[in-house]
Amino acid sequence: MARSVISALSSAVPAPDDDREPIYVTRPELPPLEAFIPSLRKIWDSKILTNSGPFHQEFERKLCEYLGVKHIALFANCTIGLVTALQALRITGEVITTPYSFVATAHSLLWNGIKPVFVDIDPETFNLDPRRIEAAITPQTTAIMPVHCYGYPCDVERIQAIADNYGLKVIYDAAHAFAVKRQGTSVLAHGDLSVLSFHATKGFTTFEGGAIVCPDDKIRQRINHLKNFGFVDEVTVVAPGINGKMSEFNAALGLLQLEGIDKALAKRGAVDRRYRAGIADLPGIRCLKPPADARTNHSYFPILVEAGYPLTRDELYQKFRDHNIFVRRYFYPLISDFPMYRGLSSAAHDNLPVARRISGQVLCLPIYPDLTLKQVDRIVELLRPPKST
């Protein structure tokens, strides 16, 4: 980038907005505090804080109803859910997964002594590319762990066909996929298990939390034993379990969050549409196109900074920060570039060309229900190159 072009861009925008409130990439949507007080009072009065109390049980039931699934096991967070899902299905050896995700995806494999095998992503969806999965299968492969990246559904039919052909399990990291549907059906119904996140950065939050969507009650019972130290009753332990239980506080908040989730998702959709309208004519900026047959949750708004834009991705990232707007480079670096994964043959630089290119171009713009359209317009305006004089 020529220094003169950078200088022109810098002089064409206002000085950093020190007098403005910062805009972060996301903010949690929370109910009014006074609406939460009655639930807290019930918890205080009952003295039941955890161990599948009344709020926990009600939250599981209502989540199943809302998401259109049969069985759910609540967790303290998504990462413990991933670790437990692998344990529940007795996964060993090698698991094919994506390098383009949050590190917890692959970390859950290492915690189970499983070797991650990274496969490149599709250039249009940023999800695990089914065309590359078969070439990565070895006699040690036991499962596939795809991610519904940004809440955009994977090619679930092709992945399942490959899994069926080779006798593999499929565990979806569905951390981004709350309320996502494809062809009118929840994406959480696919695979052997799907693992959700209710972290503070997600479109649906319980402060911290997660869940495993289970196909039947038998596997749900095994998962419930594993998340509670392996206990079946007070004198019987059947597995080396972990403490992954969701508390009553998180479950009570989750029940309140369900009451407002449709409104929150609609607000996110309005922000998404405003961005797309503002960015449509910007050369060098590409939006990820949602699939026509899916209902997404608008949890993220990624853009790619491509050739033809006058700034590099990292220069644009810094420009936003100079204006108190905290965009994020989700996902950069690739998981495969972190020290604990670099030695894997599948992490080799030439093995992941698409993921590496996307990781070097992506910026996630702020998106959350309370983000105003005026703020969206301000962000879009900062994306616009200066007009030539």
Protein backbone atom coordinates (compact mmCIF):
# COMPACT_ATOMS: atom_id res chain seq x y z
CA MET A 1 0.00 0.00 0.00
CA ALA A 2 1.48 3.35 -1.04
CA ARG A 3 2.04 5.69 1.90
CA SER A 4 0.19 8.50 0.04
CA VAL A 5 -2.99 6.40 -0.22
CA ILE A 6 -2.91 5.63 3.51
CA SER A 7 -2.40 9.31 4.29
CA ALA A 8 -5.33 10.26 2.09
CA LEU A 9 -7.58 7.78 3.85
CA SER A 10 -6.47 9.03 7.26
CA SER A 11 -7.14 12.64 6.41
CA ALA A 12 -10.55 11.89 4.94
CA VAL A 13 -12.10 10.68 8.18
CA PRO A 14 -12.61 12.47 11.50
CA ALA A 15 -10.12 12.21 14.33
CA PRO A 16 -10.56 9.23 16.66
CA ASP A 17 -13.93 9.40 18.40
CA ASP A 18 -12.67 9.78 21.96
CA ASP A 19 -15.93 11.44 22.99
CA ARG A 20 -18.08 8.57 21.73
CA GLU A 21 -19.04 5.39 23.50
CA PRO A 22 -17.01 2.43 22.25
CA ILE A 23 -18.79 -0.02 19.98
CA TYR A 24 -17.79 -3.63 20.62
CA VAL A 25 -18.19 -6.53 18.25
CA THR A 26 -21.02 -7.84 20.41
CA ARG A 27 -22.95 -7.11 23.59
CA PRO A 28 -25.18 -9.54 25.47
CA GLU A 29 -28.93 -9.09 25.34
CA LEU A 30 -30.21 -9.26 28.92
CA PRO A 31 -33.72 -9.00 30.38
CA PRO A 32 -34.57 -6.16 32.79
CA LEU A 33 -32.94 -6.84 36.16
CA GLU A 34 -36.29 -6.55 37.93
CA ALA A 35 -37.58 -9.45 35.81
CA PHE A 36 -34.79 -11.67 37.14
CA ILE A 37 -35.33 -10.84 40.83
CA PRO A 38 -38.32 -13.20 41.35
CA SER A 39 -36.24 -16.12 40.04
CA LEU A 40 -33.36 -15.21 42.35
CA ARG A 41 -35.77 -15.05 45.27
CA LYS A 42 -37.03 -18.57 44.48
CA ILE A 43 -33.45 -19.86 44.37
CA TRP A 44 -32.65 -18.15 47.69
CA ASP A 45 -35.77 -19.56 49.30
CA SER A 46 -35.29 -23.12 48.00
CA LYS A 47 -31.51 -23.20 48.65
CA ILE A 48 -31.24 -25.36 45.51
CA LEU A 49 -28.30 -23.94 43.56
CA THR A 50 -27.33 -26.78 41.21
CA ASN A 51 -27.68 -30.56 40.61
CA SER A 52 -30.63 -30.46 38.20
CA GLY A 53 -32.93 -28.25 40.24
CA PRO A 54 -36.37 -27.01 39.18
CA PHE A 55 -35.11 -24.19 36.94
CA HIS A 56 -32.67 -26.56 35.27
CA GLN A 57 -35.40 -29.09 34.50
CA GLU A 58 -37.83 -26.47 33.22
CA PHE A 59 -35.15 -24.87 31.05
CA GLU A 60 -34.32 -28.20 29.43
CA ARG A 61 -38.00 -28.81 28.62
CA LYS A 62 -38.58 -25.36 27.16
CA LEU A 63 -35.34 -25.42 25.18
CA CYS A 64 -36.41 -28.66 23.55
CA GLU A 65 -39.75 -27.11 22.63
CA TYR A 66 -38.22 -23.94 21.23
CA LEU A 67 -35.44 -25.62 19.26
CA GLY A 68 -37.62 -28.45 18.00
CA VAL A 69 -35.43 -31.26 19.38
CA LYS A 70 -36.26 -34.23 21.60
CA HIS A 71 -33.49 -34.38 24.18
CA ILE A 72 -31.07 -31.84 25.65
CA ALA A 73 -28.44 -32.08 28.38
CA LEU A 74 -27.47 -28.69 29.85
CA PHE A 75 -23.84 -27.85 30.58
CA ALA A 76 -21.78 -25.25 32.41
CA ASN A 77 -20.23 -24.26 29.07
CA CYS A 78 -19.81 -25.45 25.50
CA THR A 79 -16.19 -26.57 25.88
CA ILE A 80 -17.03 -29.06 28.62
CA GLY A 81 -19.93 -30.12 26.43
CA LEU A 82 -17.56 -30.88 23.53
CA VAL A 83 -15.18 -32.79 25.79
CA THR A 84 -18.09 -34.80 27.19
CA ALA A 85 -19.67 -35.47 23.79
CA LEU A 86 -16.45 -37.10 22.63
CA GLN A 87 -16.36 -39.18 25.82
CA ALA A 88 -20.00 -40.16 25.47
CA LEU A 89 -19.45 -41.57 21.98
CA ARG A 90 -16.11 -43.15 23.02
CA ILE A 91 -14.23 -41.36 20.26
CA THR A 92 -10.52 -42.25 19.92
CA GLY A 93 -7.75 -42.05 17.34
CA GLU A 94 -8.20 -39.26 14.79
CA VAL A 95 -11.03 -36.80 14.20
CA ILE A 96 -11.40 -34.68 11.07
CA THR A 97 -12.19 -31.07 11.86
CA THR A 98 -11.82 -27.49 10.68
CA PRO A 99 -8.88 -25.15 11.32
CA TYR A 100 -11.25 -22.17 10.97
CA SER A 101 -12.96 -21.95 14.35
CA PHE A 102 -12.46 -20.96 17.96
CA VAL A 103 -9.69 -22.97 19.61
CA ALA A 104 -12.11 -24.90 21.87
CA THR A 105 -13.13 -27.02 18.88
CA ALA A 106 -9.70 -28.63 18.56
CA HIS A 107 -8.78 -28.29 22.24
CA SER A 108 -11.64 -30.62 23.13
CA LEU A 109 -9.95 -33.28 21.01
CA LEU A 110 -6.56 -32.86 22.67
CA TRP A 111 -8.18 -33.07 26.12
CA ASN A 112 -9.46 -36.50 25.10
CA GLY A 113 -6.12 -37.65 23.70
CA ILE A 114 -7.49 -37.48 20.14
CA LYS A 115 -5.46 -36.31 17.14
CA PRO A 116 -7.11 -33.47 15.20
CA VAL A 117 -6.86 -33.78 11.42
CA PHE A 118 -7.45 -30.41 9.80
CA VAL A 119 -9.28 -30.21 6.48
CA ASP A 120 -9.71 -27.08 4.40
CA ILE A 121 -12.92 -25.04 4.28
CA ASP A 122 -15.38 -24.18 1.53
CA PRO A 123 -14.60 -20.72 0.06
CA GLU A 124 -18.26 -19.68 0.03
CA THR A 125 -19.57 -21.02 3.36
CA PHE A 126 -16.32 -21.13 5.41
CA ASN A 127 -17.51 -24.50 6.72
CA LEU A 128 -15.63 -27.80 6.49
CA ASP A 129 -15.40 -28.70 2.79
CA PRO A 130 -17.01 -32.15 2.22
CA ARG A 131 -15.00 -32.55 -1.00
CA ARG A 132 -11.80 -32.75 1.05
CA ILE A 133 -12.94 -34.99 3.89
CA GLU A 134 -12.54 -38.39 2.23
CA ALA A 135 -8.89 -37.81 1.34
CA ALA A 136 -8.14 -37.19 5.03
CA ILE A 137 -9.71 -40.42 6.31
CA THR A 138 -7.28 -43.06 7.61
CA PRO A 139 -7.77 -46.37 9.47
CA GLN A 140 -7.45 -44.33 12.69
CA THR A 141 -10.28 -41.93 11.83
CA THR A 142 -13.31 -42.39 14.09
CA ALA A 143 -15.32 -39.19 13.70
CA ILE A 144 -15.87 -35.86 11.96
CA MET A 145 -16.32 -32.66 13.96
CA PRO A 146 -17.64 -29.86 11.70
CA VAL A 147 -18.60 -26.35 12.85
CA HIS A 148 -21.67 -24.42 11.66
CA CYS A 149 -19.48 -21.35 11.22
CA TYR A 150 -21.19 -18.01 11.99
CA GLY A 151 -24.44 -19.99 12.28
CA TYR A 152 -24.46 -20.89 8.57
CA PRO A 153 -25.34 -24.60 8.22
CA CYS A 154 -22.79 -27.15 7.05
CA ASP A 155 -23.56 -29.43 4.12
CA VAL A 156 -25.06 -31.92 6.56
CA GLU A 157 -26.27 -34.42 3.95
CA ARG A 158 -22.88 -34.85 2.26
CA ILE A 159 -21.06 -35.04 5.59
CA GLN A 160 -23.48 -37.69 6.86
CA ALA A 161 -23.14 -39.69 3.64
CA ILE A 162 -19.36 -39.77 4.07
CA ALA A 163 -19.70 -40.73 7.73
CA ASP A 164 -22.12 -43.54 6.91
CA ASN A 165 -19.87 -44.86 4.16
CA TYR A 166 -16.85 -45.08 6.46
CA GLY A 167 -18.61 -45.91 9.72
CA LEU A 168 -17.74 -42.60 11.40
CA LYS A 169 -19.51 -40.59 14.10
CA VAL A 170 -20.42 -36.92 13.50
CA ILE A 171 -20.31 -34.40 16.35
CA TYR A 172 -21.29 -30.87 15.38
CA ASP A 173 -19.74 -27.93 17.15
CA ALA A 174 -22.95 -25.90 17.02
CA ALA A 175 -21.70 -23.07 19.23
CA HIS A 176 -22.92 -20.53 16.65
CA ALA A 177 -26.08 -22.35 15.62
CA PHE A 178 -28.76 -21.57 18.22
CA ALA A 179 -32.20 -21.47 16.53
CA VAL A 180 -30.70 -22.05 13.07
CA LYS A 181 -32.90 -24.00 10.68
CA ARG A 182 -32.35 -25.48 7.25
CA GLN A 183 -35.29 -26.41 5.02
CA GLY A 184 -37.52 -25.74 8.03
CA THR A 185 -35.72 -28.22 10.32
CA SER A 186 -33.29 -27.48 13.13
CA VAL A 187 -29.67 -28.05 12.11
CA LEU A 188 -29.20 -29.45 15.62
CA ALA A 189 -31.05 -32.60 14.56
CA HIS A 190 -28.16 -33.70 12.35
CA GLY A 191 -25.19 -35.83 13.29
CA ASP A 192 -24.83 -38.04 16.35
CA LEU A 193 -24.59 -35.07 18.74
CA SER A 194 -24.66 -31.27 18.48
CA VAL A 195 -23.08 -29.00 21.09
CA LEU A 196 -24.41 -25.48 21.75
CA SER A 197 -22.83 -22.48 23.47
CA PHE A 198 -24.67 -19.98 25.67
CA HIS A 199 -21.58 -17.87 26.34
CA ALA A 200 -21.91 -14.11 26.86
CA THR A 201 -20.78 -13.47 23.25
CA LYS A 202 -23.47 -15.67 21.71
CA GLY A 203 -26.86 -14.67 20.35
CA PHE A 204 -28.51 -16.58 23.19
CA THR A 205 -26.72 -16.36 26.54
CA THR A 206 -27.10 -17.69 30.07
CA PHE A 207 -23.97 -15.78 31.29
CA GLU A 208 -21.99 -19.01 30.77
CA GLY A 209 -23.55 -22.22 29.57
CA GLY A 210 -23.99 -24.82 26.88
CA ALA A 211 -25.93 -27.91 25.93
CA ILE A 212 -25.67 -31.18 24.04
CA VAL A 213 -28.56 -32.06 21.76
CA CYS A 214 -29.09 -35.83 21.94
CA PRO A 215 -30.97 -38.14 19.54
CA ASP A 216 -32.42 -40.38 22.27
CA ASP A 217 -32.80 -40.66 26.02
CA LYS A 218 -30.23 -43.45 26.33
CA ILE A 219 -27.32 -41.29 25.17
CA ARG A 220 -28.71 -38.36 27.17
CA GLN A 221 -28.56 -40.49 30.33
CA ARG A 222 -24.94 -41.41 29.62
CA ILE A 223 -24.10 -37.74 29.07
CA ASN A 224 -25.85 -36.74 32.31
CA HIS A 225 -23.77 -39.33 34.20
CA LEU A 226 -20.56 -38.05 32.60
CA LYS A 227 -21.28 -34.40 33.46
CA ASN A 228 -21.86 -35.33 37.12
CA PHE A 229 -18.65 -37.20 37.95
CA GLY A 230 -20.09 -40.45 36.59
CA PHE A 231 -22.63 -40.78 39.41
CA VAL A 232 -25.80 -42.80 38.86
CA ASP A 233 -26.81 -42.57 42.51
CA GLU A 234 -25.02 -41.66 45.73
CA VAL A 235 -23.11 -44.94 45.89
CA THR A 236 -22.71 -45.84 42.19
CA VAL A 237 -20.17 -44.35 39.79
CA VAL A 238 -20.13 -45.78 36.25
CA ALA A 239 -17.62 -43.56 34.43
CA PRO A 240 -14.74 -41.15 35.09
CA GLY A 241 -17.00 -38.12 34.69
CA ILE A 242 -16.44 -34.41 35.06
CA ASN A 243 -18.34 -31.59 36.75
CA GLY A 244 -20.12 -29.97 33.84
CA LYS A 245 -23.49 -29.13 35.41
CA MET A 246 -25.34 -25.89 34.73
CA SER A 247 -26.35 -23.96 37.85
CA GLU A 248 -29.86 -22.83 38.76
CA PHE A 249 -28.83 -19.19 38.22
CA ASN A 250 -27.85 -19.86 34.60
CA ALA A 251 -30.96 -21.94 33.94
CA ALA A 252 -33.24 -19.28 35.45
CA LEU A 253 -31.69 -16.63 33.21
CA GLY A 254 -32.07 -18.96 30.24
CA LEU A 255 -35.81 -19.23 30.83
CA LEU A 256 -36.11 -15.44 30.77
CA GLN A 257 -33.93 -15.21 27.68
CA LEU A 258 -36.22 -17.59 25.81
CA GLU A 259 -39.12 -15.18 26.31
CA GLY A 260 -37.32 -12.46 24.34
CA ILE A 261 -35.20 -14.46 21.90
CA ASP A 262 -37.43 -14.02 18.83
CA LYS A 263 -37.45 -10.25 19.25
CA ALA A 264 -33.67 -10.25 19.73
CA LEU A 265 -33.13 -12.32 16.60
CA ALA A 266 -35.37 -9.96 14.63
CA LYS A 267 -33.28 -6.97 15.76
CA ARG A 268 -30.12 -8.76 14.69
CA GLY A 269 -31.73 -9.40 11.31
CA ALA A 270 -32.44 -5.69 10.89
CA VAL A 271 -28.78 -4.86 11.60
CA ASP A 272 -27.68 -7.51 9.10
CA ARG A 273 -29.91 -6.06 6.37
CA ARG A 274 -28.67 -2.52 7.04
CA TYR A 275 -25.06 -3.63 6.69
CA ARG A 276 -25.75 -5.47 3.45
CA ALA A 277 -27.52 -2.48 1.94
CA GLY A 278 -24.67 -0.15 2.89
CA ILE A 279 -21.85 -2.43 1.75
CA ALA A 280 -23.39 -3.71 -1.48
CA ASP A 281 -21.58 -1.20 -3.71
CA LEU A 282 -18.19 -1.20 -1.95
CA PRO A 283 -15.43 -2.63 -4.18
CA GLY A 284 -13.10 -4.98 -2.34
CA ILE A 285 -15.55 -5.76 0.47
CA ARG A 286 -17.43 -9.06 0.31
CA CYS A 287 -20.20 -10.26 2.61
CA LEU A 288 -20.77 -13.92 3.35
CA LYS A 289 -23.96 -14.92 1.53
CA PRO A 290 -26.51 -16.80 3.69
CA PRO A 291 -27.93 -19.97 2.15
CA ALA A 292 -31.35 -19.52 0.58
CA ASP A 293 -32.84 -22.54 2.35
CA ALA A 294 -31.71 -21.58 5.87
CA ARG A 295 -32.92 -19.40 8.72
CA THR A 296 -29.77 -18.02 10.29
CA ASN A 297 -29.48 -16.28 13.65
CA HIS A 298 -27.34 -13.28 12.60
CA SER A 299 -24.92 -13.92 15.45
CA TYR A 300 -21.97 -12.59 13.40
CA PHE A 301 -21.45 -10.25 10.49
CA PRO A 302 -18.22 -11.24 8.73
CA ILE A 303 -16.81 -9.36 5.76
CA LEU A 304 -13.80 -10.15 3.60
CA VAL A 305 -11.31 -7.41 2.72
CA GLU A 306 -10.23 -8.43 -0.78
CA ALA A 307 -8.16 -7.06 -3.65
CA GLY A 308 -9.54 -3.75 -4.85
CA TYR A 309 -10.00 -2.29 -1.37
CA PRO A 310 -7.45 0.47 -0.60
CA LEU A 311 -6.53 -0.89 2.85
CA THR A 312 -5.34 -4.27 3.99
CA ARG A 313 -7.49 -6.15 6.48
CA ASP A 314 -5.20 -5.27 9.36
CA GLU A 315 -5.04 -1.59 8.37
CA LEU A 316 -8.85 -1.49 8.32
CA TYR A 317 -8.91 -3.27 11.69
CA GLN A 318 -6.67 -0.55 13.14
CA LYS A 319 -8.70 2.21 11.52
CA PHE A 320 -11.81 0.96 13.31
CA ARG A 321 -9.96 0.74 16.63
CA ASP A 322 -8.74 4.31 16.18
CA HIS A 323 -12.42 5.27 16.05
CA ASN A 324 -13.34 3.28 19.15
CA ILE A 325 -14.99 0.49 17.17
CA PHE A 326 -13.75 -2.92 18.22
CA VAL A 327 -14.16 -5.26 15.26
CA ARG A 328 -12.64 -8.75 15.54
CA ARG A 329 -10.65 -10.99 13.23
CA TYR A 330 -12.76 -14.15 13.68
CA PHE A 331 -10.93 -16.46 12.99
CA TYR A 332 -7.31 -15.43 12.95
CA PRO A 333 -4.87 -17.04 13.42
CA LEU A 334 -6.05 -20.45 12.29
CA ILE A 335 -6.21 -23.07 15.04
CA SER A 336 -3.60 -25.03 13.10
CA ASP A 337 -1.12 -22.18 13.54
CA PHE A 338 -1.05 -22.35 17.35
CA PRO A 339 2.00 -24.06 18.89
CA MET A 340 0.24 -27.21 20.08
CA TYR A 341 -0.97 -27.97 16.55
CA ARG A 342 1.88 -26.83 14.29
CA GLY A 343 3.59 -30.22 14.32
CA LEU A 344 0.60 -32.00 12.77
CA SER A 345 0.98 -32.85 9.10
CA SER A 346 -2.56 -31.63 8.45
CA ALA A 347 -1.56 -28.21 9.82
CA ALA A 348 1.00 -27.70 7.05
CA HIS A 349 0.80 -24.32 5.34
CA ASP A 350 0.03 -25.75 1.89
CA ASN A 351 -2.70 -28.06 3.18
CA LEU A 352 -5.16 -25.28 4.06
CA PRO A 353 -5.01 -22.62 1.31
CA VAL A 354 -8.64 -21.50 1.49
CA ALA A 355 -8.77 -21.30 5.29
CA ARG A 356 -5.47 -19.40 5.30
CA ARG A 357 -6.71 -16.88 2.72
CA ILE A 358 -10.04 -16.32 4.48
CA SER A 359 -8.33 -15.98 7.86
CA GLY A 360 -6.14 -13.22 6.44
CA GLN A 361 -9.12 -11.30 4.99
CA VAL A 362 -11.93 -11.63 7.51
CA LEU A 363 -13.30 -8.96 9.84
CA CYS A 364 -16.42 -9.41 11.94
CA LEU A 365 -18.32 -6.15 12.29
CA PRO A 366 -20.33 -5.30 15.42
CA ILE A 367 -23.76 -6.90 15.58
CA TYR A 368 -26.13 -7.19 18.53
CA PRO A 369 -29.79 -6.31 19.20
CA ASP A 370 -29.15 -2.90 20.76
CA LEU A 371 -26.82 -1.71 18.00
CA THR A 372 -28.65 1.24 16.45
CA LEU A 373 -29.03 1.71 12.73
CA LYS A 374 -27.27 5.05 13.15
CA GLN A 375 -24.27 3.21 14.58
CA VAL A 376 -24.40 0.75 11.70
CA ASP A 377 -24.36 3.65 9.23
CA ARG A 378 -21.36 5.12 11.01
CA ILE A 379 -19.49 1.81 10.72
CA VAL A 380 -20.37 1.55 7.02
CA GLU A 381 -19.22 5.13 6.46
CA LEU A 382 -15.82 4.27 7.92
CA LEU A 383 -15.61 1.42 5.42
CA ARG A 384 -16.09 3.79 2.49
CA PRO A 385 -12.90 5.00 0.77
CA PRO A 386 -12.59 8.79 0.51
CA LYS A 387 -14.01 10.42 -2.59
CA SER A 388 -11.37 11.64 -5.01
CA THR A 389 -11.10 15.39 -5.40
